[in-house]
Amino acid sequence: MKIAAAPGAADRTFAPTHPAAVEVRDLVYRYGERRALDGLSLAVPAGAIFGLLGPNGSGKSTLLSVLIGRRIAESGEVTVLGEPLSNRQRARIGMVFQEPSLDPQMTVGETMDLQARMFGLRRDAGAARTRALLDRVDLADRADALTATLSGGMKRRLELARALLNSPELLLLDEPTLALDPDSRLRLWEHLLEANAEGCTLLLATNDVAEAERYCRTVALLDEGRLVAQGLPEDLKRDLRHESVRIEWVEEPSDEVAMMEAWPGVGHVRLAGHTTHVTVDEASPFLARLFQQTGDRVRGVRIEATTLEDVYFQLVGRGITSPAGAEGGAS
């Protein structure tokens, strides 16, 4: 279904004119003495689905807060949609926050009406776009319902509809599918992909590796406010071997890492405490040799296809689900 654009937005839903929807250079932001953003530089191409991937505390939410002007960077440059960040830019940006942001005492329709007024939409235009968006996210029949009565998936779809009300050129998504069931997650992504097909750039902050690999055309791996790597998921995984083996040891290993590095078919070997992560051409011959030479010292193993989690582990030395540190309640 084609959604009517907000006034002034009809001519900018296709063929973006900016080489980058977002560009930050040497960005620094501190929480006390800790740098949540530590000289971060990256560029998000216009029209992309771009993922910020990293554990809680890696700087993802802080960067999104800076991009909407909620936090002011200590130093560095920020360009959004081809211009320095300003109040005028906010009318061209949508945001779905990590934490719930709906007023439980307002109805679905009142929530959308308030958003329309905040963006200065004419009453008739705001009402028409609200009807179209609620229909799009399957909430047309809940317009008079209090938001408190909605399910988790419905609330998330309402927050998305609200974020799309001003026909944004850039949509910032802070872990939008967190705590959603698989069906609700799939439905939300159907709506996000539709918005992207209409020309909206999506900037997704997530620590869900499967989600990033499935939907993001480009990902940036972040660690403690720094860019570790950026590129297409398949390019980032290309230097790794085809399978990933995680070995849990009874005791922290000593000579095993050097020993495994010399075995044929072994790519990268990385030790983190009692866990060793190994990428291999084939897991079967590797495991046969592993148990033959070290079986009594192995607590358990896990085999899986190589993912961006493996890339992150190789570059940083810990998994994405391992928190990098507190970030003032953000990730």
C-alpha atoms as a PDB file:
ATOM      1  CA  MET A   1       0.000   0.000   0.000  1.00  0.00           C
ATOM      2  CA  LYS A   2       1.333   3.439  -0.910  1.00  0.00           C
ATOM      3  CA  ILE A   3       1.325   5.851   2.032  1.00  0.00           C
ATOM      4  CA  ALA A   4       0.616   9.518   1.499  1.00  0.00           C
ATOM      5  CA  ALA A   5       3.636  11.636   2.366  1.00  0.00           C
ATOM      6  CA  ALA A   6       3.599  14.454   4.864  1.00  0.00           C
ATOM      7  CA  PRO A   7       3.466  17.977   3.379  1.00  0.00           C
ATOM      8  CA  GLY A   8       6.773  18.904   1.805  1.00  0.00           C
ATOM      9  CA  ALA A   9       7.983  15.308   1.764  1.00  0.00           C
ATOM     10  CA  ALA A  10       6.470  13.998  -1.452  1.00  0.00           C
ATOM     11  CA  ASP A  11       9.461  14.881  -3.610  1.00  0.00           C
ATOM     12  CA  ARG A  12      12.089  13.305  -1.374  1.00  0.00           C
ATOM     13  CA  THR A  13      10.990   9.709  -0.903  1.00  0.00           C
ATOM     14  CA  PHE A  14      13.059   8.461  -3.855  1.00  0.00           C
ATOM     15  CA  ALA A  15      16.525   9.099  -5.320  1.00  0.00           C
ATOM     16  CA  PRO A  16      18.321  10.589  -2.280  1.00  0.00           C
ATOM     17  CA  THR A  17      20.535  13.522  -3.179  1.00  0.00           C
ATOM     18  CA  HIS A  18      23.069  13.081  -0.366  1.00  0.00           C
ATOM     19  CA  PRO A  19      26.077  10.746  -0.692  1.00  0.00           C
ATOM     20  CA  ALA A  20      25.721   9.895   3.004  1.00  0.00           C
ATOM     21  CA  ALA A  21      22.642  10.068   5.210  1.00  0.00           C
ATOM     22  CA  VAL A  22      24.876  10.218   8.297  1.00  0.00           C
ATOM     23  CA  GLU A  23      28.539  11.032   8.642  1.00  0.00           C
ATOM     24  CA  VAL A  24      30.418  11.389  11.920  1.00  0.00           C
ATOM     25  CA  ARG A  25      34.097  12.143  12.324  1.00  0.00           C
ATOM     26  CA  ASP A  26      36.229  11.793  15.453  1.00  0.00           C
ATOM     27  CA  LEU A  27      33.155  11.863  17.689  1.00  0.00           C
ATOM     28  CA  VAL A  28      33.778  11.916  21.445  1.00  0.00           C
ATOM     29  CA  TYR A  29      31.162  11.692  24.179  1.00  0.00           C
ATOM     30  CA  ARG A  30      31.829  10.960  27.863  1.00  0.00           C
ATOM     31  CA  TYR A  31      29.842   9.644  30.789  1.00  0.00           C
ATOM     32  CA  GLY A  32      31.983  11.027  33.574  1.00  0.00           C
ATOM     33  CA  GLU A  33      35.518   9.840  32.910  1.00  0.00           C
ATOM     34  CA  ARG A  34      34.503   7.053  30.542  1.00  0.00           C
ATOM     35  CA  ARG A  35      34.370   7.654  26.802  1.00  0.00           C
ATOM     36  CA  ALA A  36      31.149   6.177  25.424  1.00  0.00           C
ATOM     37  CA  LEU A  37      32.212   7.420  21.982  1.00  0.00           C
ATOM     38  CA  ASP A  38      35.966   7.403  21.562  1.00  0.00           C
ATOM     39  CA  GLY A  39      36.892   9.176  18.329  1.00  0.00           C
ATOM     40  CA  LEU A  40      34.188   7.363  16.355  1.00  0.00           C
ATOM     41  CA  SER A  41      34.108   7.916  12.589  1.00  0.00           C
ATOM     42  CA  LEU A  42      31.708   6.267  10.143  1.00  0.00           C
ATOM     43  CA  ALA A  43      29.414   7.027   7.218  1.00  0.00           C
ATOM     44  CA  VAL A  44      25.931   5.667   6.520  1.00  0.00           C
ATOM     45  CA  PRO A  45      25.015   5.673   2.802  1.00  0.00           C
ATOM     46  CA  ALA A  46      21.681   7.237   1.901  1.00  0.00           C
ATOM     47  CA  GLY A  47      19.007   4.615   1.290  1.00  0.00           C
ATOM     48  CA  ALA A  48      20.907   1.901   3.188  1.00  0.00           C
ATOM     49  CA  ILE A  49      19.885  -0.494   5.911  1.00  0.00           C
ATOM     50  CA  PHE A  50      22.908   0.056   8.121  1.00  0.00           C
ATOM     51  CA  GLY A  51      23.583  -1.871  11.319  1.00  0.00           C
ATOM     52  CA  LEU A  52      25.493  -0.753  14.402  1.00  0.00           C
ATOM     53  CA  LEU A  53      26.487  -4.073  15.965  1.00  0.00           C
ATOM     54  CA  GLY A  54      28.088  -4.455  19.343  1.00  0.00           C
ATOM     55  CA  PRO A  55      27.443  -5.415  22.982  1.00  0.00           C
ATOM     56  CA  ASN A  56      25.717  -3.198  25.509  1.00  0.00           C
ATOM     57  CA  GLY A  57      28.119  -0.390  26.335  1.00  0.00           C
ATOM     58  CA  SER A  58      29.694  -0.226  22.871  1.00  0.00           C
ATOM     59  CA  GLY A  59      28.260   3.221  22.067  1.00  0.00           C
ATOM     60  CA  LYS A  60      25.292   2.386  19.825  1.00  0.00           C
ATOM     61  CA  SER A  61      22.541   4.167  21.767  1.00  0.00           C
ATOM     62  CA  THR A  62      24.817   7.083  22.591  1.00  0.00           C
ATOM     63  CA  LEU A  63      25.481   7.658  18.893  1.00  0.00           C
ATOM     64  CA  LEU A  64      21.751   7.640  18.091  1.00  0.00           C
ATOM     65  CA  SER A  65      21.144  10.119  20.924  1.00  0.00           C
ATOM     66  CA  VAL A  66      23.768  12.441  19.467  1.00  0.00           C
ATOM     67  CA  LEU A  67      22.191  12.184  16.012  1.00  0.00           C
ATOM     68  CA  ILE A  68      18.833  13.458  17.298  1.00  0.00           C
ATOM     69  CA  GLY A  69      20.405  16.173  19.441  1.00  0.00           C
ATOM     70  CA  ARG A  70      19.471  14.512  22.721  1.00  0.00           C
ATOM     71  CA  ARG A  71      23.136  14.495  23.719  1.00  0.00           C
ATOM     72  CA  ILE A  72      25.840  16.937  22.633  1.00  0.00           C
ATOM     73  CA  ALA A  73      29.211  15.497  21.665  1.00  0.00           C
ATOM     74  CA  GLU A  74      32.306  16.830  23.384  1.00  0.00           C
ATOM     75  CA  SER A  75      34.138  17.033  20.072  1.00  0.00           C
ATOM     76  CA  GLY A  76      33.954  15.832  16.492  1.00  0.00           C
ATOM     77  CA  GLU A  77      31.754  16.528  13.482  1.00  0.00           C
ATOM     78  CA  VAL A  78      28.209  15.341  12.795  1.00  0.00           C
ATOM     79  CA  THR A  79      26.492  15.636   9.410  1.00  0.00           C
ATOM     80  CA  VAL A  80      22.923  14.396   8.957  1.00  0.00           C
ATOM     81  CA  LEU A  81      21.248  14.354   5.542  1.00  0.00           C
ATOM     82  CA  GLY A  82      23.982  16.530   4.104  1.00  0.00           C
ATOM     83  CA  GLU A  83      23.854  19.273   6.752  1.00  0.00           C
ATOM     84  CA  PRO A  84      25.222  19.939  10.240  1.00  0.00           C
ATOM     85  CA  LEU A  85      22.841  18.816  12.963  1.00  0.00           C
ATOM     86  CA  SER A  86      20.151  21.412  13.745  1.00  0.00           C
ATOM     87  CA  ASN A  87      16.574  21.679  14.984  1.00  0.00           C
ATOM     88  CA  ARG A  88      15.433  21.877  11.378  1.00  0.00           C
ATOM     89  CA  GLN A  89      17.024  18.494  10.705  1.00  0.00           C
ATOM     90  CA  ARG A  90      14.869  16.802  13.327  1.00  0.00           C
ATOM     91  CA  ALA A  91      11.801  17.201  11.111  1.00  0.00           C
ATOM     92  CA  ARG A  92      13.512  14.886   8.617  1.00  0.00           C
ATOM     93  CA  ILE A  93      14.366  12.157  11.153  1.00  0.00           C
ATOM     94  CA  GLY A  94      12.275   9.453  12.823  1.00  0.00           C
ATOM     95  CA  MET A  95      13.236   7.528  15.939  1.00  0.00           C
ATOM     96  CA  VAL A  96      12.135   4.276  17.568  1.00  0.00           C
ATOM     97  CA  PHE A  97      13.619   4.220  21.059  1.00  0.00           C
ATOM     98  CA  GLN A  98      14.936   1.180  22.878  1.00  0.00           C
ATOM     99  CA  GLU A  99      12.679   1.743  25.884  1.00  0.00           C
ATOM    100  CA  PRO A 100       8.870   1.985  25.579  1.00  0.00           C
ATOM    101  CA  SER A 101       7.859   5.607  24.962  1.00  0.00           C
ATOM    102  CA  LEU A 102       4.057   5.532  24.757  1.00  0.00           C
ATOM    103  CA  ASP A 103       1.734   7.310  27.206  1.00  0.00           C
ATOM    104  CA  PRO A 104      -0.508   4.577  28.653  1.00  0.00           C
ATOM    105  CA  GLN A 105      -3.294   7.123  29.244  1.00  0.00           C
ATOM    106  CA  MET A 106      -3.508   8.098  25.571  1.00  0.00           C
ATOM    107  CA  THR A 107      -5.314   6.248  22.822  1.00  0.00           C
ATOM    108  CA  VAL A 108      -3.629   5.067  19.646  1.00  0.00           C
ATOM    109  CA  GLY A 109      -5.272   7.892  17.687  1.00  0.00           C
ATOM    110  CA  GLU A 110      -4.330  10.535  20.260  1.00  0.00           C
ATOM    111  CA  THR A 111      -0.720   9.341  20.137  1.00  0.00           C
ATOM    112  CA  MET A 112      -0.585   9.847  16.398  1.00  0.00           C
ATOM    113  CA  ASP A 113      -2.423  13.179  16.564  1.00  0.00           C
ATOM    114  CA  LEU A 114       0.049  14.556  19.097  1.00  0.00           C
ATOM    115  CA  GLN A 115       2.975  13.526  16.900  1.00  0.00           C
ATOM    116  CA  ALA A 116       1.357  15.187  13.875  1.00  0.00           C
ATOM    117  CA  ARG A 117       0.946  18.435  15.798  1.00  0.00           C
ATOM    118  CA  MET A 118       4.541  18.339  17.026  1.00  0.00           C
ATOM    119  CA  PHE A 119       5.722  18.174  13.411  1.00  0.00           C
ATOM    120  CA  GLY A 120       3.351  20.906  12.293  1.00  0.00           C
ATOM    121  CA  LEU A 121       1.247  18.795   9.953  1.00  0.00           C
ATOM    122  CA  ARG A 122      -2.097  20.271   8.908  1.00  0.00           C
ATOM    123  CA  ARG A 123      -4.989  18.604  10.701  1.00  0.00           C
ATOM    124  CA  ASP A 124      -6.443  17.036   7.546  1.00  0.00           C
ATOM    125  CA  ALA A 125      -3.042  15.888   6.280  1.00  0.00           C
ATOM    126  CA  GLY A 126      -2.096  14.456   9.674  1.00  0.00           C
ATOM    127  CA  ALA A 127      -5.407  12.623   9.970  1.00  0.00           C
ATOM    128  CA  ALA A 128      -5.082  11.141   6.468  1.00  0.00           C
ATOM    129  CA  ARG A 129      -1.543   9.965   7.056  1.00  0.00           C
ATOM    130  CA  THR A 130      -2.484   8.558  10.473  1.00  0.00           C
ATOM    131  CA  ARG A 131      -5.266   6.483   8.933  1.00  0.00           C
ATOM    132  CA  ALA A 132      -2.938   5.183   6.230  1.00  0.00           C
ATOM    133  CA  LEU A 133      -0.121   4.319   8.648  1.00  0.00           C
ATOM    134  CA  LEU A 134      -2.385   2.616  11.196  1.00  0.00           C
ATOM    135  CA  ASP A 135      -3.832   0.565   8.377  1.00  0.00           C
ATOM    136  CA  ARG A 136      -0.327  -0.264   7.225  1.00  0.00           C
ATOM    137  CA  VAL A 137       0.748  -1.579  10.647  1.00  0.00           C
ATOM    138  CA  ASP A 138      -2.562  -3.393  11.237  1.00  0.00           C
ATOM    139  CA  LEU A 139      -3.794  -1.067  13.986  1.00  0.00           C
ATOM    140  CA  ALA A 140      -6.632   0.704  12.171  1.00  0.00           C
ATOM    141  CA  ASP A 141      -9.215  -1.059  14.332  1.00  0.00           C
ATOM    142  CA  ARG A 142      -7.426  -0.015  17.554  1.00  0.00           C
ATOM    143  CA  ALA A 143      -7.442   3.754  17.009  1.00  0.00           C
ATOM    144  CA  ASP A 144      -9.701   4.333  20.039  1.00  0.00           C
ATOM    145  CA  ALA A 145      -7.904   1.856  22.308  1.00  0.00           C
ATOM    146  CA  LEU A 146      -5.609   2.984  25.113  1.00  0.00           C
ATOM    147  CA  THR A 147      -1.991   2.171  24.361  1.00  0.00           C
ATOM    148  CA  ALA A 148      -1.818   0.350  27.705  1.00  0.00           C
ATOM    149  CA  THR A 149      -4.170  -2.309  26.309  1.00  0.00           C
ATOM    150  CA  LEU A 150      -1.930  -3.160  23.339  1.00  0.00           C
ATOM    151  CA  SER A 151       0.326  -6.196  23.186  1.00  0.00           C
ATOM    152  CA  GLY A 152       4.084  -5.739  23.029  1.00  0.00           C
ATOM    153  CA  GLY A 153       4.136  -6.248  19.272  1.00  0.00           C
ATOM    154  CA  MET A 154       1.270  -3.795  18.749  1.00  0.00           C
ATOM    155  CA  LYS A 155       3.025  -1.147  20.857  1.00  0.00           C
ATOM    156  CA  ARG A 156       6.181  -1.524  18.787  1.00  0.00           C
ATOM    157  CA  ARG A 157       4.206  -1.187  15.540  1.00  0.00           C
ATOM    158  CA  LEU A 158       2.514   1.935  16.901  1.00  0.00           C
ATOM    159  CA  GLU A 159       5.894   3.433  17.792  1.00  0.00           C
ATOM    160  CA  LEU A 160       7.027   2.716  14.234  1.00  0.00           C
ATOM    161  CA  ALA A 161       3.896   4.298  12.739  1.00  0.00           C
ATOM    162  CA  ARG A 162       4.462   7.363  14.928  1.00  0.00           C
ATOM    163  CA  ALA A 163       8.091   7.577  13.789  1.00  0.00           C
ATOM    164  CA  LEU A 164       7.015   7.435  10.125  1.00  0.00           C
ATOM    165  CA  LEU A 165       4.319  10.099  10.444  1.00  0.00           C
ATOM    166  CA  ASN A 166       6.578  12.926   9.217  1.00  0.00           C
ATOM    167  CA  SER A 167       7.847  10.887   6.214  1.00  0.00           C
ATOM    168  CA  PRO A 168      11.426  10.810   7.572  1.00  0.00           C
ATOM    169  CA  GLU A 169      14.393  10.462   5.272  1.00  0.00           C
ATOM    170  CA  LEU A 170      16.319   8.817   8.109  1.00  0.00           C
ATOM    171  CA  LEU A 171      14.872   6.374  10.637  1.00  0.00           C
ATOM    172  CA  LEU A 172      16.914   5.602  13.758  1.00  0.00           C
ATOM    173  CA  LEU A 173      16.112   2.249  15.385  1.00  0.00           C
ATOM    174  CA  ASP A 174      17.453   1.393  18.832  1.00  0.00           C
ATOM    175  CA  GLU A 175      16.975  -2.376  19.227  1.00  0.00           C
ATOM    176  CA  PRO A 176      13.402  -2.126  17.900  1.00  0.00           C
ATOM    177  CA  THR A 177      12.689  -5.860  18.109  1.00  0.00           C
ATOM    178  CA  LEU A 178      13.986  -6.376  21.645  1.00  0.00           C
ATOM    179  CA  ALA A 179      11.725  -8.774  23.608  1.00  0.00           C
ATOM    180  CA  LEU A 180       9.375  -9.321  20.662  1.00  0.00           C
ATOM    181  CA  ASP A 181       8.220 -12.818  19.785  1.00  0.00           C
ATOM    182  CA  PRO A 182       9.385 -14.186  16.393  1.00  0.00           C
ATOM    183  CA  ASP A 183       6.082 -13.434  14.630  1.00  0.00           C
ATOM    184  CA  SER A 184       5.945  -9.833  15.886  1.00  0.00           C
ATOM    185  CA  ARG A 185       9.585  -9.360  14.942  1.00  0.00           C
ATOM    186  CA  LEU A 186       8.942 -10.584  11.401  1.00  0.00           C
ATOM    187  CA  ARG A 187       5.900  -8.324  10.972  1.00  0.00           C
ATOM    188  CA  LEU A 188       7.805  -5.293  12.231  1.00  0.00           C
ATOM    189  CA  TRP A 189      10.599  -5.940   9.749  1.00  0.00           C
ATOM    190  CA  GLU A 190       8.095  -6.205   6.919  1.00  0.00           C
ATOM    191  CA  HIS A 191       7.039  -2.635   7.702  1.00  0.00           C
ATOM    192  CA  LEU A 192      10.647  -1.466   8.053  1.00  0.00           C
ATOM    193  CA  LEU A 193      11.608  -2.961   4.690  1.00  0.00           C
ATOM    194  CA  GLU A 194       8.622  -1.253   3.095  1.00  0.00           C
ATOM    195  CA  ALA A 195       9.753   2.097   4.505  1.00  0.00           C
ATOM    196  CA  ASN A 196      13.261   1.486   3.192  1.00  0.00           C
ATOM    197  CA  ALA A 197      11.889   0.600  -0.260  1.00  0.00           C
ATOM    198  CA  GLU A 198      10.226   4.021  -0.287  1.00  0.00           C
ATOM    199  CA  GLY A 199      13.614   5.677   0.178  1.00  0.00           C
ATOM    200  CA  CYS A 200      14.028   5.938   3.955  1.00  0.00           C
ATOM    201  CA  THR A 201      17.521   5.194   5.293  1.00  0.00           C
ATOM    202  CA  LEU A 202      17.437   2.800   8.257  1.00  0.00           C
ATOM    203  CA  LEU A 203      20.134   3.022  10.943  1.00  0.00           C
ATOM    204  CA  LEU A 204      19.731   0.049  13.273  1.00  0.00           C
ATOM    205  CA  ALA A 205      21.455  -0.361  16.638  1.00  0.00           C
ATOM    206  CA  THR A 206      21.408  -4.002  17.720  1.00  0.00           C
ATOM    207  CA  ASN A 207      23.318  -6.774  19.430  1.00  0.00           C
ATOM    208  CA  ASP A 208      21.280  -9.410  17.581  1.00  0.00           C
ATOM    209  CA  VAL A 209      23.754 -10.947  15.130  1.00  0.00           C
ATOM    210  CA  ALA A 210      21.136 -12.915  13.184  1.00  0.00           C
ATOM    211  CA  GLU A 211      19.020  -9.792  12.714  1.00  0.00           C
ATOM    212  CA  ALA A 212      21.987  -7.774  11.464  1.00  0.00           C
ATOM    213  CA  GLU A 213      23.084 -10.484   9.024  1.00  0.00           C
ATOM    214  CA  ARG A 214      19.582 -10.990   7.659  1.00  0.00           C
ATOM    215  CA  TYR A 215      18.560  -7.378   7.093  1.00  0.00           C
ATOM    216  CA  CYS A 216      21.576  -5.041   7.072  1.00  0.00           C
ATOM    217  CA  ARG A 217      23.420  -4.379   3.833  1.00  0.00           C
ATOM    218  CA  THR A 218      26.301  -2.831   5.760  1.00  0.00           C
ATOM    219  CA  VAL A 219      27.328  -3.254   9.392  1.00  0.00           C
ATOM    220  CA  ALA A 220      29.699  -1.368  11.650  1.00  0.00           C
ATOM    221  CA  LEU A 221      31.187  -3.350  14.539  1.00  0.00           C
ATOM    222  CA  LEU A 222      31.628  -1.152  17.613  1.00  0.00           C
ATOM    223  CA  ASP A 223      33.677  -1.740  20.743  1.00  0.00           C
ATOM    224  CA  GLU A 224      33.794   0.740  23.636  1.00  0.00           C
ATOM    225  CA  GLY A 225      32.888   3.666  21.393  1.00  0.00           C
ATOM    226  CA  ARG A 226      35.335   2.817  18.621  1.00  0.00           C
ATOM    227  CA  LEU A 227      34.823   1.449  15.124  1.00  0.00           C
ATOM    228  CA  VAL A 228      36.363  -2.013  14.869  1.00  0.00           C
ATOM    229  CA  ALA A 229      35.323  -2.869  11.315  1.00  0.00           C
ATOM    230  CA  GLN A 230      32.751  -1.856   8.716  1.00  0.00           C
ATOM    231  CA  GLY A 231      31.525  -3.527   5.551  1.00  0.00           C
ATOM    232  CA  LEU A 232      29.133  -6.004   3.981  1.00  0.00           C
ATOM    233  CA  PRO A 233      28.468  -8.965   6.306  1.00  0.00           C
ATOM    234  CA  GLU A 234      29.736 -11.437   3.704  1.00  0.00           C
ATOM    235  CA  ASP A 235      32.933  -9.410   3.216  1.00  0.00           C
ATOM    236  CA  LEU A 236      33.626  -9.241   6.946  1.00  0.00           C
ATOM    237  CA  LYS A 237      33.233 -13.031   7.211  1.00  0.00           C
ATOM    238  CA  ARG A 238      35.255 -13.817   4.085  1.00  0.00           C
ATOM    239  CA  ASP A 239      38.635 -14.056   5.835  1.00  0.00           C
ATOM    240  CA  LEU A 240      37.311 -16.549   8.363  1.00  0.00           C
ATOM    241  CA  ARG A 241      37.003 -20.271   7.694  1.00  0.00           C
ATOM    242  CA  HIS A 242      33.669 -21.947   6.964  1.00  0.00           C
ATOM    243  CA  GLU A 243      32.821 -23.351  10.397  1.00  0.00           C
ATOM    244  CA  SER A 244      33.195 -22.082  13.908  1.00  0.00           C
ATOM    245  CA  VAL A 245      34.099 -24.199  16.946  1.00  0.00           C
ATOM    246  CA  ARG A 246      33.886 -22.903  20.508  1.00  0.00           C
ATOM    247  CA  ILE A 247      35.747 -25.006  23.059  1.00  0.00           C
ATOM    248  CA  GLU A 248      35.075 -24.811  26.796  1.00  0.00           C
ATOM    249  CA  TRP A 249      38.044 -26.073  28.825  1.00  0.00           C
ATOM    250  CA  VAL A 250      38.004 -27.629  32.275  1.00  0.00           C
ATOM    251  CA  GLU A 251      40.910 -25.351  33.165  1.00  0.00           C
ATOM    252  CA  GLU A 252      42.334 -22.358  31.351  1.00  0.00           C
ATOM    253  CA  PRO A 253      44.511 -23.804  28.557  1.00  0.00           C
ATOM    254  CA  SER A 254      48.223 -23.099  28.240  1.00  0.00           C
ATOM    255  CA  ASP A 255      49.845 -24.714  25.173  1.00  0.00           C
ATOM    256  CA  GLU A 256      46.656 -25.722  23.342  1.00  0.00           C
ATOM    257  CA  VAL A 257      46.274 -22.482  21.355  1.00  0.00           C
ATOM    258  CA  ALA A 258      49.713 -22.713  19.724  1.00  0.00           C
ATOM    259  CA  MET A 259      49.163 -26.402  19.108  1.00  0.00           C
ATOM    260  CA  MET A 260      45.831 -25.894  17.295  1.00  0.00           C
ATOM    261  CA  GLU A 261      47.183 -22.993  15.220  1.00  0.00           C
ATOM    262  CA  ALA A 262      49.632 -25.437  13.615  1.00  0.00           C
ATOM    263  CA  TRP A 263      46.952 -27.915  12.558  1.00  0.00           C
ATOM    264  CA  PRO A 264      45.918 -28.011   8.875  1.00  0.00           C
ATOM    265  CA  GLY A 265      42.565 -26.420   8.031  1.00  0.00           C
ATOM    266  CA  VAL A 266      42.630 -24.082  11.026  1.00  0.00           C
ATOM    267  CA  GLY A 267      42.121 -20.354  10.505  1.00  0.00           C
ATOM    268  CA  HIS A 268      41.976 -18.081  13.542  1.00  0.00           C
ATOM    269  CA  VAL A 269      42.367 -19.225  17.141  1.00  0.00           C
ATOM    270  CA  ARG A 270      41.392 -16.848  19.934  1.00  0.00           C
ATOM    271  CA  LEU A 271      41.482 -17.518  23.684  1.00  0.00           C
ATOM    272  CA  ALA A 272      39.176 -15.748  26.151  1.00  0.00           C
ATOM    273  CA  GLY A 273      39.418 -17.173  29.660  1.00  0.00           C
ATOM    274  CA  HIS A 274      38.283 -20.805  29.604  1.00  0.00           C
ATOM    275  CA  THR A 275      36.862 -20.498  26.075  1.00  0.00           C
ATOM    276  CA  THR A 276      38.748 -20.918  22.806  1.00  0.00           C
ATOM    277  CA  HIS A 277      37.163 -19.879  19.539  1.00  0.00           C
ATOM    278  CA  VAL A 278      38.505 -21.583  16.393  1.00  0.00           C
ATOM    279  CA  THR A 279      37.490 -21.173  12.748  1.00  0.00           C
ATOM    280  CA  VAL A 280      38.125 -24.231  10.584  1.00  0.00           C
ATOM    281  CA  ASP A 281      37.557 -25.522   7.077  1.00  0.00           C
ATOM    282  CA  GLU A 282      35.821 -28.650   8.406  1.00  0.00           C
ATOM    283  CA  ALA A 283      34.796 -29.307  11.978  1.00  0.00           C
ATOM    284  CA  SER A 284      34.809 -33.121  11.896  1.00  0.00           C
ATOM    285  CA  PRO A 285      38.555 -33.800  11.378  1.00  0.00           C
ATOM    286  CA  PHE A 286      39.407 -30.922  13.688  1.00  0.00           C
ATOM    287  CA  LEU A 287      37.281 -32.325  16.516  1.00  0.00           C
ATOM    288  CA  ALA A 288      38.660 -35.842  16.043  1.00  0.00           C
ATOM    289  CA  ARG A 289      42.172 -34.517  16.514  1.00  0.00           C
ATOM    290  CA  LEU A 290      41.094 -32.240  19.373  1.00  0.00           C
ATOM    291  CA  PHE A 291      39.592 -35.053  21.453  1.00  0.00           C
ATOM    292  CA  GLN A 292      42.467 -37.376  20.597  1.00  0.00           C
ATOM    293  CA  GLN A 293      45.047 -34.971  21.985  1.00  0.00           C
ATOM    294  CA  THR A 294      43.149 -32.958  24.611  1.00  0.00           C
ATOM    295  CA  GLY A 295      39.889 -34.843  25.272  1.00  0.00           C
ATOM    296  CA  ASP A 296      40.218 -35.080  29.063  1.00  0.00           C
ATOM    297  CA  ARG A 297      40.694 -31.303  29.305  1.00  0.00           C
ATOM    298  CA  VAL A 298      37.647 -30.358  27.202  1.00  0.00           C
ATOM    299  CA  ARG A 299      34.400 -29.543  29.036  1.00  0.00           C
ATOM    300  CA  GLY A 300      32.291 -29.046  25.885  1.00  0.00           C
ATOM    301  CA  VAL A 301      32.235 -27.849  22.270  1.00  0.00           C
ATOM    302  CA  ARG A 302      29.781 -26.016  20.025  1.00  0.00           C
ATOM    303  CA  ILE A 303      29.832 -26.076  16.204  1.00  0.00           C
ATOM    304  CA  GLU A 304      28.070 -23.556  13.965  1.00  0.00           C
ATOM    305  CA  ALA A 305      28.413 -21.676  10.700  1.00  0.00           C
ATOM    306  CA  THR A 306      30.663 -18.632  10.821  1.00  0.00           C
ATOM    307  CA  THR A 307      28.758 -15.464  11.787  1.00  0.00           C
ATOM    308  CA  LEU A 308      29.475 -11.821  12.530  1.00  0.00           C
ATOM    309  CA  GLU A 309      29.742 -12.911  16.159  1.00  0.00           C
ATOM    310  CA  ASP A 310      32.857 -14.860  15.128  1.00  0.00           C
ATOM    311  CA  VAL A 311      34.249 -11.820  13.334  1.00  0.00           C
ATOM    312  CA  TYR A 312      33.672  -9.716  16.438  1.00  0.00           C
ATOM    313  CA  PHE A 313      35.249 -12.356  18.669  1.00  0.00           C
ATOM    314  CA  GLN A 314      38.339 -12.490  16.469  1.00  0.00           C
ATOM    315  CA  LEU A 315      38.747  -8.700  16.411  1.00  0.00           C
ATOM    316  CA  VAL A 316      37.825  -7.843  19.994  1.00  0.00           C
ATOM    317  CA  GLY A 317      38.384 -11.018  22.002  1.00  0.00           C
ATOM    318  CA  ARG A 318      34.867 -11.369  23.424  1.00  0.00           C
ATOM    319  CA  GLY A 319      31.374 -11.992  22.138  1.00  0.00           C
ATOM    320  CA  ILE A 320      28.741  -9.416  21.315  1.00  0.00           C
ATOM    321  CA  THR A 321      26.608 -10.644  24.204  1.00  0.00           C
ATOM    322  CA  SER A 322      29.454  -9.819  26.617  1.00  0.00           C
ATOM    323  CA  PRO A 323      28.858  -6.272  27.934  1.00  0.00           C
ATOM    324  CA  ALA A 324      31.647  -3.807  27.254  1.00  0.00           C
ATOM    325  CA  GLY A 325      30.647  -1.643  30.201  1.00  0.00           C
ATOM    326  CA  ALA A 326      27.908   0.598  31.479  1.00  0.00           C
ATOM    327  CA  GLU A 327      26.673   3.322  29.227  1.00  0.00           C
ATOM    328  CA  GLY A 328      24.493   5.429  31.410  1.00  0.00           C
ATOM    329  CA  GLY A 329      21.686   2.922  30.929  1.00  0.00           C
ATOM    330  CA  ALA A 330      22.125   2.865  27.167  1.00  0.00           C
ATOM    331  CA  SER A 331      23.849   0.480  24.836  1.00  0.00           C
END
